[in-house]
Amino acid sequence: MMSDVTAMHVFHWIESLFLSFSVAAAATGILQGSYLYSGLTLWMPDGESQMAFMADKRSELVCNMTYSFHSLHFLLMALPFLAARTSAVAFFCAFIPYCMVTYEIVVPWKREFSKQPAMMQQLLACELLRHSAAAKRKKRSKSATDGPQDNHDHDQ
């Protein structure tokens, strides 16, 4: 059987690991968010290029959201192990915020209606990009059919 000192050391190590994962996820999310924000605001002059950038970086946008979730998740997982140093009751009570947040995040994702706004935004973005590409093709084909006009008036 483990002694209380050994159990406290194990809880301390688990708490420290969860806190370090939380900080790492938060730092990664902040850095990636800064990268995406600067890409959208500083380097993209108009809405069309911003939409194309977001379509190209859609996996990074999703990951950026999950980094903030993982940061909160690991922080809430570390709390019970921090409370375990105080008492067993505090250990179990510290699981309540973790369970509540996990329930509030996981359950809506399972519902179909929670996915509809995201799917609608994706459809609108794809439609905008499709119209933009069609307008560019139309403009290119018009300029190609008009072609360079040879003016031979100066030869006469």
Protein backbone atom coordinates (compact mmCIF):
# COMPACT_ATOMS: atom_id res chain seq x y z
CA MET A 1 0.00 0.00 0.00
CA MET A 2 1.22 3.49 -0.84
CA SER A 3 2.04 5.86 1.94
CA ASP A 4 0.42 9.28 2.14
CA VAL A 5 3.70 10.95 1.23
CA THR A 6 4.05 8.85 -1.93
CA ALA A 7 0.45 9.57 -2.92
CA MET A 8 1.01 13.30 -2.41
CA HIS A 9 4.12 13.12 -4.61
CA VAL A 10 2.12 11.36 -7.34
CA PHE A 11 -0.68 13.94 -7.09
CA HIS A 12 1.89 16.73 -7.22
CA TRP A 13 3.45 15.31 -10.38
CA ILE A 14 0.06 14.81 -12.05
CA GLU A 15 -0.97 18.34 -11.12
CA SER A 16 2.29 19.75 -12.46
CA LEU A 17 1.93 17.85 -15.74
CA PHE A 18 -1.65 19.06 -16.27
CA LEU A 19 -0.65 22.65 -15.46
CA SER A 20 2.26 22.49 -17.90
CA PHE A 21 -0.02 21.07 -20.62
CA SER A 22 -2.48 23.89 -19.90
CA VAL A 23 0.20 26.56 -20.23
CA ALA A 24 1.61 24.96 -23.39
CA ALA A 25 -1.83 24.81 -25.03
CA ALA A 26 -2.57 28.41 -24.04
CA ALA A 27 0.77 29.65 -25.39
CA THR A 28 0.31 27.73 -28.65
CA GLY A 29 -3.20 29.12 -29.04
CA ILE A 30 -2.02 32.68 -28.39
CA LEU A 31 0.84 32.40 -30.88
CA GLN A 32 -1.29 30.77 -33.56
CA GLY A 33 -4.09 33.28 -32.95
CA SER A 34 -1.61 36.13 -33.39
CA TYR A 35 -0.38 34.57 -36.62
CA LEU A 36 -3.89 34.17 -37.99
CA TYR A 37 -4.99 37.64 -36.84
CA SER A 38 -1.97 39.32 -38.40
CA GLY A 39 -2.54 37.35 -41.59
CA LEU A 40 -6.11 38.57 -41.77
CA THR A 41 -5.68 42.19 -40.71
CA LEU A 42 -2.22 43.23 -41.80
CA TRP A 43 -1.52 41.29 -44.96
CA MET A 44 -4.96 40.89 -46.49
CA PRO A 45 -6.27 44.12 -48.04
CA ASP A 46 -9.82 43.10 -48.92
CA GLY A 47 -12.55 40.67 -47.96
CA GLU A 48 -11.90 38.38 -50.91
CA SER A 49 -8.29 37.69 -49.95
CA GLN A 50 -9.32 37.31 -46.30
CA MET A 51 -11.92 34.69 -47.27
CA ALA A 52 -9.35 32.84 -49.38
CA PHE A 53 -6.87 32.97 -46.48
CA MET A 54 -9.48 31.61 -44.08
CA ALA A 55 -10.41 28.85 -46.52
CA ASP A 56 -6.73 27.89 -46.84
CA LYS A 57 -6.18 28.04 -43.07
CA ARG A 58 -9.44 26.43 -41.93
CA SER A 59 -7.65 23.62 -40.08
CA GLU A 60 -5.51 26.16 -38.20
CA LEU A 61 -8.66 28.12 -37.29
CA VAL A 62 -10.25 24.99 -35.85
CA CYS A 63 -7.04 24.07 -34.02
CA ASN A 64 -6.82 27.55 -32.55
CA MET A 65 -10.24 27.09 -30.98
CA THR A 66 -9.29 23.68 -29.63
CA TYR A 67 -6.08 25.05 -28.07
CA SER A 68 -8.15 27.31 -25.83
CA PHE A 69 -10.40 24.37 -24.97
CA HIS A 70 -7.40 22.17 -24.16
CA SER A 71 -5.89 24.88 -22.00
CA LEU A 72 -9.08 25.14 -19.96
CA HIS A 73 -9.47 21.37 -19.94
CA PHE A 74 -5.99 20.70 -18.53
CA LEU A 75 -6.31 23.53 -16.03
CA LEU A 76 -9.56 22.07 -14.70
CA MET A 77 -7.97 18.62 -14.61
CA ALA A 78 -5.11 19.99 -12.48
CA LEU A 79 -7.44 21.53 -9.88
CA PRO A 80 -8.47 18.26 -8.18
CA PHE A 81 -4.85 17.22 -7.77
CA LEU A 82 -4.04 20.62 -6.32
CA ALA A 83 -6.98 20.25 -3.92
CA ALA A 84 -5.84 16.73 -2.97
CA ARG A 85 -3.11 18.27 -0.86
CA THR A 86 -5.81 19.77 1.36
CA SER A 87 -8.33 16.95 1.78
CA ALA A 88 -10.12 14.13 0.05
CA VAL A 89 -13.35 16.14 0.06
CA ALA A 90 -11.65 19.04 -1.72
CA PHE A 91 -10.24 16.54 -4.23
CA PHE A 92 -13.71 15.32 -5.22
CA CYS A 93 -15.32 18.78 -5.06
CA ALA A 94 -12.69 20.14 -7.44
CA PHE A 95 -13.91 17.70 -10.09
CA ILE A 96 -17.25 19.55 -10.23
CA PRO A 97 -16.03 22.46 -12.44
CA TYR A 98 -14.29 19.98 -14.74
CA CYS A 99 -17.45 17.88 -15.11
CA MET A 100 -19.66 20.93 -15.64
CA VAL A 101 -17.45 22.50 -18.33
CA THR A 102 -16.91 19.18 -20.09
CA TYR A 103 -20.65 18.53 -20.11
CA GLU A 104 -21.43 22.01 -21.45
CA ILE A 105 -18.91 21.60 -24.26
CA VAL A 106 -19.39 17.95 -25.24
CA VAL A 107 -23.19 17.70 -25.15
CA PRO A 108 -23.93 20.60 -27.58
CA TRP A 109 -21.39 19.18 -30.05
CA LYS A 110 -23.40 15.97 -30.16
CA ARG A 111 -26.57 17.84 -31.05
CA GLU A 112 -27.15 18.36 -34.74
CA PHE A 113 -28.54 21.89 -34.44
CA SER A 114 -25.32 23.18 -32.91
CA LYS A 115 -23.45 22.31 -36.12
CA GLN A 116 -25.82 24.18 -38.40
CA PRO A 117 -24.43 27.73 -37.90
CA ALA A 118 -20.90 26.55 -38.65
CA MET A 119 -22.06 24.63 -41.71
CA MET A 120 -24.00 27.69 -42.92
CA GLN A 121 -20.94 29.91 -42.52
CA GLN A 122 -18.82 27.41 -44.43
CA LEU A 123 -21.38 27.26 -47.24
CA LEU A 124 -21.51 31.06 -47.45
CA ALA A 125 -17.72 31.29 -47.54
CA CYS A 126 -17.51 28.66 -50.29
CA GLU A 127 -20.22 30.44 -52.27
CA LEU A 128 -18.41 33.78 -51.97
CA LEU A 129 -15.15 32.21 -53.09
CA ARG A 130 -16.91 30.49 -56.00
CA HIS A 131 -18.50 33.76 -57.16
CA SER A 132 -15.19 35.57 -56.78
CA ALA A 133 -13.37 32.95 -58.84
CA ALA A 134 -16.09 33.04 -61.50
CA ALA A 135 -15.84 36.83 -61.72
CA LYS A 136 -12.06 36.60 -62.10
CA ARG A 137 -12.39 33.96 -64.83
CA LYS A 138 -14.98 36.07 -66.62
CA LYS A 139 -12.72 39.10 -66.42
CA ARG A 140 -9.73 37.11 -67.72
CA SER A 141 -11.71 35.56 -70.56
CA LYS A 142 -13.09 38.96 -71.57
CA SER A 143 -9.61 40.46 -71.65
CA ALA A 144 -8.33 37.43 -73.58
CA THR A 145 -11.07 37.67 -76.21
CA ASP A 146 -10.57 41.40 -76.57
CA GLY A 147 -6.86 40.78 -76.85
CA PRO A 148 -4.24 43.36 -77.58
CA GLN A 149 -5.51 45.66 -80.31
CA ASP A 150 -2.97 46.19 -83.07
CA ASN A 151 -3.15 49.72 -84.28
CA HIS A 152 -1.36 50.03 -87.61
CA ASP A 153 -2.23 53.65 -88.12
CA HIS A 154 1.32 54.71 -87.44
CA ASP A 155 2.60 52.57 -90.38
CA GLN A 156 0.70 54.57 -92.98
